[in-house]
C-alpha cells in the first residue's frame, strides 16, 4: 500500500489522503449528535451530513486531475524521448491511474457514509 502511495505521486496522494481524513472527521463530528439524540435539531444535522458527498466528489475530481497531470508529464517525456516500447507506455498509464482509483475509493466511501 505504501508503494502505491509513492507510485501515485506524493503530492496528489497526500492531498487525497488529507481530503479523506477531513471527510471522516466531518462524518464523525456531525454523526455523533444523531446517535446521542439529546435535543439537537436532527434535520439540521442531516443537512450537514450531505456535505460528505460533496467532499467525496472533490476527492474524485482531485484524483482525475492528478491523472491528467501525470498523463501530460508522461506524454511530454515520450515526446522528448521519441520512440518507446508499448510496455513502457502502458506502465505509465497504469501508474497515472492510481490517483483516480484512490479518488474513486474515497468517493464511494463518502457515498456510503452519506447513505447512512
PDB file of N, CA and C in Angstrom:
ATOM      1  N   UNK A   1       0.817  -1.183   0.000  1.00  0.00           N
ATOM      2  CA  UNK A   1       0.000   0.000   0.000  1.00  0.00           C
ATOM      3  C   UNK A   1       0.871   1.261   0.000  1.00  0.00           C
ATOM      4  N   UNK A   2       1.926   1.210   0.780  1.00  0.00           N
ATOM      5  CA  UNK A   2       2.835   2.347   0.841  1.00  0.00           C
ATOM      6  C   UNK A   2       3.491   2.572  -0.519  1.00  0.00           C
ATOM      7  N   UNK A   3       3.769   1.468  -1.219  1.00  0.00           N
ATOM      8  CA  UNK A   3       4.375   1.556  -2.541  1.00  0.00           C
ATOM      9  C   UNK A   3       3.428   2.252  -3.524  1.00  0.00           C
ATOM     10  N   UNK A   4       2.138   1.938  -3.454  1.00  0.00           N
ATOM     11  CA  UNK A   4       1.165   2.599  -4.326  1.00  0.00           C
ATOM     12  C   UNK A   4       1.073   4.093  -4.029  1.00  0.00           C
ATOM     13  N   UNK A   5       1.215   4.445  -2.755  1.00  0.00           N
ATOM     14  CA  UNK A   5       1.165   5.857  -2.379  1.00  0.00           C
ATOM     15  C   UNK A   5       2.288   6.627  -3.072  1.00  0.00           C
ATOM     16  N   UNK A   6       3.500   6.086  -3.051  1.00  0.00           N
ATOM     17  CA  UNK A   6       4.629   6.771  -3.672  1.00  0.00           C
ATOM     18  C   UNK A   6       4.587   6.677  -5.190  1.00  0.00           C
ATOM     19  N   UNK A   7       4.069   5.572  -5.731  1.00  0.00           N
ATOM     20  CA  UNK A   7       3.948   5.451  -7.185  1.00  0.00           C
ATOM     21  C   UNK A   7       2.929   6.443  -7.731  1.00  0.00           C
ATOM     22  N   UNK A   8       1.857   6.686  -6.986  1.00  0.00           N
ATOM     23  CA  UNK A   8       0.823   7.617  -7.421  1.00  0.00           C
ATOM     24  C   UNK A   8       1.247   9.069  -7.339  1.00  0.00           C
ATOM     25  N   UNK A   9       2.350   9.332  -6.700  1.00  0.00           N
ATOM     26  CA  UNK A   9       2.826  10.700  -6.550  1.00  0.00           C
ATOM     27  C   UNK A   9       2.458  11.244  -5.188  1.00  0.00           C
ATOM     28  N   UNK A  10       3.449  11.588  -4.381  1.00  0.00           N
ATOM     29  CA  UNK A  10       3.167  12.029  -3.007  1.00  0.00           C
ATOM     30  C   UNK A  10       2.295  13.284  -2.930  1.00  0.00           C
ATOM     31  N   UNK A  11       2.376  14.154  -3.928  1.00  0.00           N
ATOM     32  CA  UNK A  11       1.597  15.392  -3.869  1.00  0.00           C
ATOM     33  C   UNK A  11       0.100  15.098  -3.920  1.00  0.00           C
ATOM     34  N   UNK A  12      -0.356  14.462  -4.977  1.00  0.00           N
ATOM     35  CA  UNK A  12      -1.791  14.220  -5.113  1.00  0.00           C
ATOM     36  C   UNK A  12      -2.287  13.149  -4.153  1.00  0.00           C
ATOM     37  N   UNK A  13      -1.472  12.156  -3.881  1.00  0.00           N
ATOM     38  CA  UNK A  13      -1.898  11.135  -2.919  1.00  0.00           C
ATOM     39  C   UNK A  13      -1.994  11.738  -1.521  1.00  0.00           C
ATOM     40  N   UNK A  14      -1.091  12.670  -1.197  1.00  0.00           N
ATOM     41  CA  UNK A  14      -1.166  13.366   0.089  1.00  0.00           C
ATOM     42  C   UNK A  14      -2.401  14.241   0.190  1.00  0.00           C
ATOM     43  N   UNK A  15      -2.719  14.946  -0.897  1.00  0.00           N
ATOM     44  CA  UNK A  15      -3.923  15.780  -0.914  1.00  0.00           C
ATOM     45  C   UNK A  15      -5.166  14.913  -0.757  1.00  0.00           C
ATOM     46  N   UNK A  16      -5.201  13.788  -1.473  1.00  0.00           N
ATOM     47  CA  UNK A  16      -6.358  12.896  -1.375  1.00  0.00           C
ATOM     48  C   UNK A  16      -6.481  12.287   0.020  1.00  0.00           C
ATOM     49  N   UNK A  17      -5.357  11.966   0.638  1.00  0.00           N
ATOM     50  CA  UNK A  17      -5.400  11.432   1.999  1.00  0.00           C
ATOM     51  C   UNK A  17      -5.908  12.487   2.976  1.00  0.00           C
ATOM     52  N   UNK A  18      -5.486  13.738   2.794  1.00  0.00           N
ATOM     53  CA  UNK A  18      -5.982  14.820   3.651  1.00  0.00           C
ATOM     54  C   UNK A  18      -7.491  15.003   3.469  1.00  0.00           C
ATOM     55  N   UNK A  19      -7.966  14.926   2.232  1.00  0.00           N
ATOM     56  CA  UNK A  19      -9.403  15.027   1.972  1.00  0.00           C
ATOM     57  C   UNK A  19     -10.142  13.875   2.648  1.00  0.00           C
ATOM     58  N   UNK A  20      -9.568  12.679   2.582  1.00  0.00           N
ATOM     59  CA  UNK A  20     -10.189  11.507   3.203  1.00  0.00           C
ATOM     60  C   UNK A  20     -10.286  11.676   4.716  1.00  0.00           C
ATOM     61  N   UNK A  21      -9.224  12.169   5.338  1.00  0.00           N
ATOM     62  CA  UNK A  21      -9.228  12.381   6.789  1.00  0.00           C
ATOM     63  C   UNK A  21     -10.252  13.450   7.167  1.00  0.00           C
ATOM     64  N   UNK A  22     -10.323  14.520   6.386  1.00  0.00           N
ATOM     65  CA  UNK A  22     -11.306  15.577   6.644  1.00  0.00           C
ATOM     66  C   UNK A  22     -12.724  15.029   6.518  1.00  0.00           C
ATOM     67  N   UNK A  23     -12.948  14.189   5.514  1.00  0.00           N
ATOM     68  CA  UNK A  23     -14.276  13.613   5.312  1.00  0.00           C
ATOM     69  C   UNK A  23     -14.686  12.721   6.483  1.00  0.00           C
ATOM     70  N   UNK A  24     -13.767  11.884   6.945  1.00  0.00           N
ATOM     71  CA  UNK A  24     -14.067  11.002   8.076  1.00  0.00           C
ATOM     72  C   UNK A  24     -14.318  11.829   9.340  1.00  0.00           C
ATOM     73  N   UNK A  25     -13.496  12.856   9.567  1.00  0.00           N
ATOM     74  CA  UNK A  25     -13.686  13.710  10.740  1.00  0.00           C
ATOM     75  C   UNK A  25     -15.031  14.439  10.669  1.00  0.00           C
ATOM     76  N   UNK A  26     -15.385  14.915   9.480  1.00  0.00           N
ATOM     77  CA  UNK A  26     -16.676  15.594   9.293  1.00  0.00           C
ATOM     78  C   UNK A  26     -17.830  14.645   9.606  1.00  0.00           C
ATOM     79  N   UNK A  27     -17.722  13.418   9.122  1.00  0.00           N
ATOM     80  CA  UNK A  27     -18.787  12.433   9.349  1.00  0.00           C
ATOM     81  C   UNK A  27     -18.924  12.108  10.832  1.00  0.00           C
ATOM     82  N   UNK A  28     -17.809  11.909  11.502  1.00  0.00           N
ATOM     83  CA  UNK A  28     -17.857  11.576  12.929  1.00  0.00           C
ATOM     84  C   UNK A  28     -18.409  12.748  13.736  1.00  0.00           C
ATOM     85  N   UNK A  29     -17.913  13.950  13.446  1.00  0.00           N
ATOM     86  CA  UNK A  29     -18.322  15.133  14.203  1.00  0.00           C
ATOM     87  C   UNK A  29     -19.817  15.410  14.058  1.00  0.00           C
ATOM     88  N   UNK A  30     -20.350  15.198  12.860  1.00  0.00           N
ATOM     89  CA  UNK A  30     -21.759  15.514  12.635  1.00  0.00           C
ATOM     90  C   UNK A  30     -22.685  14.313  12.806  1.00  0.00           C
ATOM     91  N   UNK A  31     -22.130  13.109  12.901  1.00  0.00           N
ATOM     92  CA  UNK A  31     -22.983  11.934  13.070  1.00  0.00           C
ATOM     93  C   UNK A  31     -23.172  11.564  14.537  1.00  0.00           C
ATOM     94  N   UNK A  32     -22.228  11.933  15.398  1.00  0.00           N
ATOM     95  CA  UNK A  32     -22.357  11.610  16.821  1.00  0.00           C
ATOM     96  C   UNK A  32     -23.595  12.225  17.469  1.00  0.00           C
ATOM     97  N   UNK A  33     -23.951  13.480  17.191  1.00  0.00           N
ATOM     98  CA  UNK A  33     -25.190  14.006  17.793  1.00  0.00           C
ATOM     99  C   UNK A  33     -26.446  13.253  17.356  1.00  0.00           C
ATOM    100  N   UNK A  34     -26.427  12.670  16.165  1.00  0.00           N
ATOM    101  CA  UNK A  34     -27.579  11.877  15.722  1.00  0.00           C
ATOM    102  C   UNK A  34     -27.710  10.630  16.582  1.00  0.00           C
ATOM    103  N   UNK A  35     -26.588  10.034  16.937  1.00  0.00           N
ATOM    104  CA  UNK A  35     -26.615   8.837  17.776  1.00  0.00           C
ATOM    105  C   UNK A  35     -27.045   9.150  19.203  1.00  0.00           C
ATOM    106  N   UNK A  36     -26.604  10.292  19.704  1.00  0.00           N
ATOM    107  CA  UNK A  36     -26.917  10.667  21.084  1.00  0.00           C
ATOM    108  C   UNK A  36     -28.370  11.133  21.204  1.00  0.00           C
ATOM    109  N   UNK A  37     -28.850  11.916  20.236  1.00  0.00           N
ATOM    110  CA  UNK A  37     -30.233  12.421  20.184  1.00  0.00           C
ATOM    111  C   UNK A  37     -30.623  13.174  21.453  1.00  0.00           C
ATOM    112  N   UNK A  38     -29.790  14.052  21.883  1.00  0.00           N
ATOM    113  CA  UNK A  38     -30.114  14.791  23.109  1.00  0.00           C
ATOM    114  C   UNK A  38     -30.598  16.210  22.780  1.00  0.00           C
ATOM    115  N   UNK A  39     -31.687  16.298  22.048  1.00  0.00           N
ATOM    116  CA  UNK A  39     -32.310  17.592  21.806  1.00  0.00           C
ATOM    117  C   UNK A  39     -31.750  18.376  20.641  1.00  0.00           C
ATOM    118  N   UNK A  40     -30.838  17.815  19.886  1.00  0.00           N
ATOM    119  CA  UNK A  40     -30.300  18.536  18.735  1.00  0.00           C
ATOM    120  C   UNK A  40     -31.305  18.503  17.590  1.00  0.00           C
ATOM    121  N   UNK A  41     -31.205  19.482  16.734  1.00  0.00           N
ATOM    122  CA  UNK A  41     -32.060  19.546  15.559  1.00  0.00           C
ATOM    123  C   UNK A  41     -31.565  18.519  14.535  1.00  0.00           C
ATOM    124  N   UNK A  42     -32.277  17.413  14.408  1.00  0.00           N
ATOM    125  CA  UNK A  42     -31.830  16.320  13.543  1.00  0.00           C
ATOM    126  C   UNK A  42     -31.842  16.704  12.070  1.00  0.00           C
ATOM    127  N   UNK A  43     -32.776  17.536  11.660  1.00  0.00           N
ATOM    128  CA  UNK A  43     -32.824  17.943  10.247  1.00  0.00           C
ATOM    129  C   UNK A  43     -31.607  18.792   9.884  1.00  0.00           C
ATOM    130  N   UNK A  44     -31.190  19.637  10.803  1.00  0.00           N
ATOM    131  CA  UNK A  44     -30.014  20.471  10.564  1.00  0.00           C
ATOM    132  C   UNK A  44     -28.758  19.603  10.482  1.00  0.00           C
ATOM    133  N   UNK A  45     -28.683  18.608  11.332  1.00  0.00           N
ATOM    134  CA  UNK A  45     -27.531  17.709  11.329  1.00  0.00           C
ATOM    135  C   UNK A  45     -27.510  16.878  10.053  1.00  0.00           C
ATOM    136  N   UNK A  46     -28.660  16.391   9.627  1.00  0.00           N
ATOM    137  CA  UNK A  46     -28.725  15.611   8.381  1.00  0.00           C
ATOM    138  C   UNK A  46     -28.362  16.469   7.173  1.00  0.00           C
ATOM    139  N   UNK A  47     -28.728  17.744   7.221  1.00  0.00           N
ATOM    140  CA  UNK A  47     -28.354  18.648   6.127  1.00  0.00           C
ATOM    141  C   UNK A  47     -26.838  18.828   6.080  1.00  0.00           C
ATOM    142  N   UNK A  48     -26.201  18.869   7.244  1.00  0.00           N
ATOM    143  CA  UNK A  48     -24.741  18.982   7.277  1.00  0.00           C
ATOM    144  C   UNK A  48     -24.067  17.707   6.801  1.00  0.00           C
ATOM    145  N   UNK A  49     -24.707  16.583   7.051  1.00  0.00           N
ATOM    146  CA  UNK A  49     -24.134  15.315   6.596  1.00  0.00           C
ATOM    147  C   UNK A  49     -24.139  15.201   5.075  1.00  0.00           C
ATOM    148  N   UNK A  50     -24.970  15.981   4.404  1.00  0.00           N
ATOM    149  CA  UNK A  50     -24.994  15.956   2.941  1.00  0.00           C
ATOM    150  C   UNK A  50     -23.701  16.496   2.340  1.00  0.00           C
ATOM    151  N   UNK A  51     -22.946  17.252   3.116  1.00  0.00           N
ATOM    152  CA  UNK A  51     -21.678  17.786   2.615  1.00  0.00           C
ATOM    153  C   UNK A  51     -20.633  16.687   2.429  1.00  0.00           C
ATOM    154  N   UNK A  52     -20.857  15.535   3.024  1.00  0.00           N
ATOM    155  CA  UNK A  52     -19.913  14.422   2.870  1.00  0.00           C
ATOM    156  C   UNK A  52     -19.822  14.017   1.406  1.00  0.00           C
ATOM    157  N   UNK A  53     -20.949  14.011   0.723  1.00  0.00           N
ATOM    158  CA  UNK A  53     -20.955  13.661  -0.700  1.00  0.00           C
ATOM    159  C   UNK A  53     -20.173  14.692  -1.514  1.00  0.00           C
ATOM    160  N   UNK A  54     -20.272  15.955  -1.132  1.00  0.00           N
ATOM    161  CA  UNK A  54     -19.523  17.000  -1.823  1.00  0.00           C
ATOM    162  C   UNK A  54     -18.027  16.827  -1.608  1.00  0.00           C
ATOM    163  N   UNK A  55     -17.635  16.484  -0.397  1.00  0.00           N
ATOM    164  CA  UNK A  55     -16.218  16.240  -0.113  1.00  0.00           C
ATOM    165  C   UNK A  55     -15.721  15.048  -0.925  1.00  0.00           C
ATOM    166  N   UNK A  56     -16.526  14.000  -1.031  1.00  0.00           N
ATOM    167  CA  UNK A  56     -16.160  12.842  -1.838  1.00  0.00           C
ATOM    168  C   UNK A  56     -16.035  13.183  -3.312  1.00  0.00           C
ATOM    169  N   UNK A  57     -16.929  14.028  -3.809  1.00  0.00           N
ATOM    170  CA  UNK A  57     -16.846  14.461  -5.208  1.00  0.00           C
ATOM    171  C   UNK A  57     -15.581  15.267  -5.444  1.00  0.00           C
ATOM    172  N   UNK A  58     -15.211  16.095  -4.478  1.00  0.00           N
ATOM    173  CA  UNK A  58     -13.968  16.856  -4.586  1.00  0.00           C
ATOM    174  C   UNK A  58     -12.766  15.919  -4.649  1.00  0.00           C
ATOM    175  N   UNK A  59     -12.794  14.833  -3.880  1.00  0.00           N
ATOM    176  CA  UNK A  59     -11.714  13.848  -3.930  1.00  0.00           C
ATOM    177  C   UNK A  59     -11.666  13.173  -5.293  1.00  0.00           C
ATOM    178  N   UNK A  60     -12.819  12.859  -5.852  1.00  0.00           N
ATOM    179  CA  UNK A  60     -12.874  12.233  -7.176  1.00  0.00           C
ATOM    180  C   UNK A  60     -12.277  13.152  -8.240  1.00  0.00           C
ATOM    181  N   UNK A  61     -12.655  14.414  -8.211  1.00  0.00           N
ATOM    182  CA  UNK A  61     -12.141  15.376  -9.185  1.00  0.00           C
ATOM    183  C   UNK A  61     -10.641  15.591  -8.988  1.00  0.00           C
ATOM    184  N   UNK A  62     -10.189  15.617  -7.743  1.00  0.00           N
ATOM    185  CA  UNK A  62      -8.756  15.763  -7.474  1.00  0.00           C
ATOM    186  C   UNK A  62      -7.983  14.564  -8.003  1.00  0.00           C
ATOM    187  N   UNK A  63      -8.528  13.367  -7.859  1.00  0.00           N
ATOM    188  CA  UNK A  63      -7.884  12.173  -8.397  1.00  0.00           C
ATOM    189  C   UNK A  63      -7.787  12.204  -9.908  1.00  0.00           C
ATOM    190  N   UNK A  64      -8.848  12.646 -10.564  1.00  0.00           N
ATOM    191  CA  UNK A  64      -8.826  12.756 -12.024  1.00  0.00           C
ATOM    192  C   UNK A  64      -7.836  13.824 -12.462  1.00  0.00           C
ATOM    193  N   UNK A  65      -7.772  14.933 -11.735  1.00  0.00           N
ATOM    194  CA  UNK A  65      -6.792  15.976 -12.046  1.00  0.00           C
ATOM    195  C   UNK A  65      -5.373  15.444 -11.911  1.00  0.00           C
ATOM    196  N   UNK A  66      -5.125  14.650 -10.873  1.00  0.00           N
ATOM    197  CA  UNK A  66      -3.805  14.040 -10.705  1.00  0.00           C
ATOM    198  C   UNK A  66      -3.451  13.136 -11.867  1.00  0.00           C
ATOM    199  N   UNK A  67      -4.429  12.379 -12.357  1.00  0.00           N
ATOM    200  CA  UNK A  67      -4.173  11.509 -13.503  1.00  0.00           C
ATOM    201  C   UNK A  67      -3.877  12.332 -14.751  1.00  0.00           C
ATOM    202  N   UNK A  68      -4.640  13.384 -14.983  1.00  0.00           N
ATOM    203  CA  UNK A  68      -4.421  14.199 -16.173  1.00  0.00           C
ATOM    204  C   UNK A  68      -3.057  14.877 -16.155  1.00  0.00           C
ATOM    205  N   UNK A  69      -2.646  15.361 -14.996  1.00  0.00           N
ATOM    206  CA  UNK A  69      -1.322  15.981 -14.901  1.00  0.00           C
ATOM    207  C   UNK A  69      -0.236  14.933 -15.108  1.00  0.00           C
ATOM    208  N   UNK A  70      -0.423  13.732 -14.555  1.00  0.00           N
ATOM    209  CA  UNK A  70       0.536  12.651 -14.765  1.00  0.00           C
ATOM    210  C   UNK A  70       0.629  12.242 -16.221  1.00  0.00           C
ATOM    211  N   UNK A  71      -0.511  12.152 -16.902  1.00  0.00           N
ATOM    212  CA  UNK A  71      -0.502  11.814 -18.326  1.00  0.00           C
ATOM    213  C   UNK A  71       0.175  12.898 -19.152  1.00  0.00           C
ATOM    214  N   UNK A  72      -0.070  14.153 -18.808  1.00  0.00           N
ATOM    215  CA  UNK A  72       0.575  15.252 -19.523  1.00  0.00           C
ATOM    216  C   UNK A  72       2.091  15.169 -19.384  1.00  0.00           C
ATOM    217  N   UNK A  73       2.561  14.899 -18.167  1.00  0.00           N
ATOM    218  CA  UNK A  73       4.001  14.768 -17.955  1.00  0.00           C
ATOM    219  C   UNK A  73       4.560  13.563 -18.699  1.00  0.00           C
ATOM    220  N   UNK A  74       3.809  12.464 -18.719  1.00  0.00           N
ATOM    221  CA  UNK A  74       4.267  11.268 -19.431  1.00  0.00           C
ATOM    222  C   UNK A  74       4.335  11.525 -20.929  1.00  0.00           C
ATOM    223  N   UNK A  75       3.341  12.194 -21.479  1.00  0.00           N
ATOM    224  CA  UNK A  75       3.354  12.480 -22.910  1.00  0.00           C
ATOM    225  C   UNK A  75       4.471  13.447 -23.277  1.00  0.00           C
ATOM    226  N   UNK A  76       4.776  14.382 -22.383  1.00  0.00           N
ATOM    227  CA  UNK A  76       5.904  15.286 -22.631  1.00  0.00           C
ATOM    228  C   UNK A  76       7.219  14.511 -22.636  1.00  0.00           C
ATOM    229  N   UNK A  77       7.367  13.548 -21.742  1.00  0.00           N
ATOM    230  CA  UNK A  77       8.583  12.726 -21.714  1.00  0.00           C
ATOM    231  C   UNK A  77       8.669  11.837 -22.950  1.00  0.00           C
ATOM    232  N   UNK A  78       7.531  11.307 -23.397  1.00  0.00           N
ATOM    233  CA  UNK A  78       7.517  10.482 -24.611  1.00  0.00           C
ATOM    234  C   UNK A  78       7.894  11.322 -25.821  1.00  0.00           C
ATOM    235  N   UNK A  79       7.410  12.547 -25.864  1.00  0.00           N
ATOM    236  CA  UNK A  79       7.726  13.436 -26.976  1.00  0.00           C
ATOM    237  C   UNK A  79       9.223  13.716 -27.045  1.00  0.00           C
ATOM    238  N   UNK A  80       9.858  13.892 -25.902  1.00  0.00           N
ATOM    239  CA  UNK A  80      11.297  14.155 -25.878  1.00  0.00           C
ATOM    240  C   UNK A  80      12.108  12.906 -26.187  1.00  0.00           C
ATOM    241  N   UNK A  81      11.632  11.744 -25.724  1.00  0.00           N
ATOM    242  CA  UNK A  81      12.389  10.506 -25.914  1.00  0.00           C
ATOM    243  C   UNK A  81      12.268   9.980 -27.337  1.00  0.00           C
ATOM    244  N   UNK A  82      11.165  10.259 -27.977  1.00  0.00           N
ATOM    245  CA  UNK A  82      10.975   9.749 -29.332  1.00  0.00           C
ATOM    246  C   UNK A  82      10.289   8.400 -29.322  1.00  0.00           C
ATOM    247  N   UNK A  83      11.019   7.350 -29.665  1.00  0.00           N
ATOM    248  CA  UNK A  83      10.442   6.011 -29.783  1.00  0.00           C
ATOM    249  C   UNK A  83      10.568   5.269 -28.456  1.00  0.00           C
ATOM    250  N   UNK A  84       9.431   4.765 -27.945  1.00  0.00           N
ATOM    251  CA  UNK A  84       9.447   3.986 -26.707  1.00  0.00           C
ATOM    252  C   UNK A  84       8.670   2.698 -26.929  1.00  0.00           C
ATOM    253  N   UNK A  85       8.858   1.747 -26.045  1.00  0.00           N
ATOM    254  CA  UNK A  85       8.157   0.467 -26.167  1.00  0.00           C
ATOM    255  C   UNK A  85       6.721   0.602 -25.646  1.00  0.00           C
ATOM    256  N   UNK A  86       5.807  -0.179 -26.199  1.00  0.00           N
ATOM    257  CA  UNK A  86       4.418  -0.127 -25.711  1.00  0.00           C
ATOM    258  C   UNK A  86       4.285  -0.538 -24.246  1.00  0.00           C
ATOM    259  N   UNK A  87       5.127  -1.457 -23.774  1.00  0.00           N
ATOM    260  CA  UNK A  87       5.031  -1.872 -22.371  1.00  0.00           C
ATOM    261  C   UNK A  87       5.409  -0.729 -21.436  1.00  0.00           C
ATOM    262  N   UNK A  88       6.356   0.090 -21.840  1.00  0.00           N
ATOM    263  CA  UNK A  88       6.728   1.256 -21.032  1.00  0.00           C
ATOM    264  C   UNK A  88       5.576   2.258 -20.985  1.00  0.00           C
ATOM    265  N   UNK A  89       4.913   2.439 -22.112  1.00  0.00           N
ATOM    266  CA  UNK A  89       3.787   3.369 -22.159  1.00  0.00           C
ATOM    267  C   UNK A  89       2.618   2.858 -21.312  1.00  0.00           C
ATOM    268  N   UNK A  90       2.337   1.575 -21.377  1.00  0.00           N
ATOM    269  CA  UNK A  90       1.247   1.013 -20.573  1.00  0.00           C
ATOM    270  C   UNK A  90       1.578   1.060 -19.082  1.00  0.00           C
ATOM    271  N   UNK A  91       2.840   0.902 -18.742  1.00  0.00           N
ATOM    272  CA  UNK A  91       3.249   1.047 -17.342  1.00  0.00           C
ATOM    273  C   UNK A  91       3.002   2.457 -16.838  1.00  0.00           C
ATOM    274  N   UNK A  92       3.265   3.443 -17.688  1.00  0.00           N
ATOM    275  CA  UNK A  92       2.986   4.832 -17.326  1.00  0.00           C
ATOM    276  C   UNK A  92       1.503   5.101 -17.156  1.00  0.00           C
ATOM    277  N   UNK A  93       0.686   4.504 -18.031  1.00  0.00           N
ATOM    278  CA  UNK A  93      -0.767   4.654 -17.887  1.00  0.00           C
ATOM    279  C   UNK A  93      -1.262   4.013 -16.599  1.00  0.00           C
ATOM    280  N   UNK A  94      -0.680   2.863 -16.260  1.00  0.00           N
ATOM    281  CA  UNK A  94      -1.069   2.172 -15.026  1.00  0.00           C
ATOM    282  C   UNK A  94      -0.766   3.035 -13.803  1.00  0.00           C
ATOM    283  N   UNK A  95       0.404   3.641 -13.787  1.00  0.00           N
ATOM    284  CA  UNK A  95       0.791   4.490 -12.654  1.00  0.00           C
ATOM    285  C   UNK A  95      -0.093   5.734 -12.587  1.00  0.00           C
ATOM    286  N   UNK A  96      -0.455   6.284 -13.743  1.00  0.00           N
ATOM    287  CA  UNK A  96      -1.265   7.506 -13.730  1.00  0.00           C
ATOM    288  C   UNK A  96      -2.677   7.260 -13.208  1.00  0.00           C
ATOM    289  N   UNK A  97      -3.131   6.017 -13.233  1.00  0.00           N
ATOM    290  CA  UNK A  97      -4.494   5.717 -12.789  1.00  0.00           C
ATOM    291  C   UNK A  97      -4.605   5.510 -11.279  1.00  0.00           C
ATOM    292  N   UNK A  98      -3.495   5.473 -10.570  1.00  0.00           N
ATOM    293  CA  UNK A  98      -3.533   5.222  -9.126  1.00  0.00           C
ATOM    294  C   UNK A  98      -4.295   6.327  -8.398  1.00  0.00           C
ATOM    295  N   UNK A  99      -4.036   7.589  -8.758  1.00  0.00           N
ATOM    296  CA  UNK A  99      -4.734   8.687  -8.082  1.00  0.00           C
ATOM    297  C   UNK A  99      -6.229   8.662  -8.378  1.00  0.00           C
ATOM    298  N   UNK A 100      -6.585   8.278  -9.595  1.00  0.00           N
ATOM    299  CA  UNK A 100      -8.003   8.193  -9.936  1.00  0.00           C
ATOM    300  C   UNK A 100      -8.693   7.092  -9.143  1.00  0.00           C
ATOM    301  N   UNK A 101      -8.043   5.944  -9.018  1.00  0.00           N
ATOM    302  CA  UNK A 101      -8.629   4.857  -8.226  1.00  0.00           C
ATOM    303  C   UNK A 101      -8.794   5.267  -6.766  1.00  0.00           C
ATOM    304  N   UNK A 102      -7.804   5.966  -6.231  1.00  0.00           N
ATOM    305  CA  UNK A 102      -7.882   6.410  -4.837  1.00  0.00           C
ATOM    306  C   UNK A 102      -9.014   7.427  -4.667  1.00  0.00           C
ATOM    307  N   UNK A 103      -9.144   8.350  -5.626  1.00  0.00           N
ATOM    308  CA  UNK A 103     -10.236   9.318  -5.574  1.00  0.00           C
ATOM    309  C   UNK A 103     -11.598   8.658  -5.674  1.00  0.00           C
ATOM    310  N   UNK A 104     -11.719   7.628  -6.537  1.00  0.00           N
ATOM    311  CA  UNK A 104     -12.982   6.894  -6.658  1.00  0.00           C
ATOM    312  C   UNK A 104     -13.294   6.150  -5.364  1.00  0.00           C
ATOM    313  N   UNK A 105     -12.277   5.563  -4.749  1.00  0.00           N
ATOM    314  CA  UNK A 105     -12.477   4.857  -3.482  1.00  0.00           C
ATOM    315  C   UNK A 105     -12.989   5.809  -2.399  1.00  0.00           C
ATOM    316  N   UNK A 106     -12.395   6.991  -2.311  1.00  0.00           N
ATOM    317  CA  UNK A 106     -12.842   7.983  -1.329  1.00  0.00           C
ATOM    318  C   UNK A 106     -14.273   8.416  -1.639  1.00  0.00           C
ATOM    319  N   UNK A 107     -14.583   8.594  -2.917  1.00  0.00           N
ATOM    320  CA  UNK A 107     -15.940   8.977  -3.309  1.00  0.00           C
ATOM    321  C   UNK A 107     -16.952   7.902  -2.922  1.00  0.00           C
ATOM    322  N   UNK A 108     -16.610   6.640  -3.149  1.00  0.00           N
ATOM    323  CA  UNK A 108     -17.528   5.554  -2.793  1.00  0.00           C
ATOM    324  C   UNK A 108     -17.738   5.467  -1.285  1.00  0.00           C
ATOM    325  N   UNK A 109     -16.676   5.688  -0.516  1.00  0.00           N
ATOM    326  CA  UNK A 109     -16.818   5.702   0.945  1.00  0.00           C
ATOM    327  C   UNK A 109     -17.703   6.867   1.376  1.00  0.00           C
ATOM    328  N   UNK A 110     -17.540   8.021   0.714  1.00  0.00           N
ATOM    329  CA  UNK A 110     -18.390   9.167   1.062  1.00  0.00           C
ATOM    330  C   UNK A 110     -19.856   8.883   0.736  1.00  0.00           C
ATOM    331  N   UNK A 111     -20.108   8.171  -0.359  1.00  0.00           N
ATOM    332  CA  UNK A 111     -21.493   7.811  -0.674  1.00  0.00           C
ATOM    333  C   UNK A 111     -22.073   6.864   0.366  1.00  0.00           C
ATOM    334  N   UNK A 112     -21.258   5.925   0.828  1.00  0.00           N
ATOM    335  CA  UNK A 112     -21.730   5.017   1.876  1.00  0.00           C
ATOM    336  C   UNK A 112     -22.048   5.770   3.162  1.00  0.00           C
ATOM    337  N   UNK A 113     -21.176   6.702   3.536  1.00  0.00           N
ATOM    338  CA  UNK A 113     -21.426   7.499   4.742  1.00  0.00           C
ATOM    339  C   UNK A 113     -22.650   8.394   4.570  1.00  0.00           C
ATOM    340  N   UNK A 114     -22.839   8.897   3.372  1.00  0.00           N
ATOM    341  CA  UNK A 114     -23.981   9.768   3.097  1.00  0.00           C
ATOM    342  C   UNK A 114     -25.291   8.991   3.155  1.00  0.00           C
ATOM    343  N   UNK A 115     -25.261   7.739   2.690  1.00  0.00           N
ATOM    344  CA  UNK A 115     -26.476   6.925   2.699  1.00  0.00           C
ATOM    345  C   UNK A 115     -26.874   6.480   4.100  1.00  0.00           C
ATOM    346  N   UNK A 116     -25.915   6.411   4.996  1.00  0.00           N
ATOM    347  CA  UNK A 116     -26.215   6.007   6.375  1.00  0.00           C
ATOM    348  C   UNK A 116     -26.940   7.129   7.019  1.00  0.00           C
TER     349      UNK A 116
END
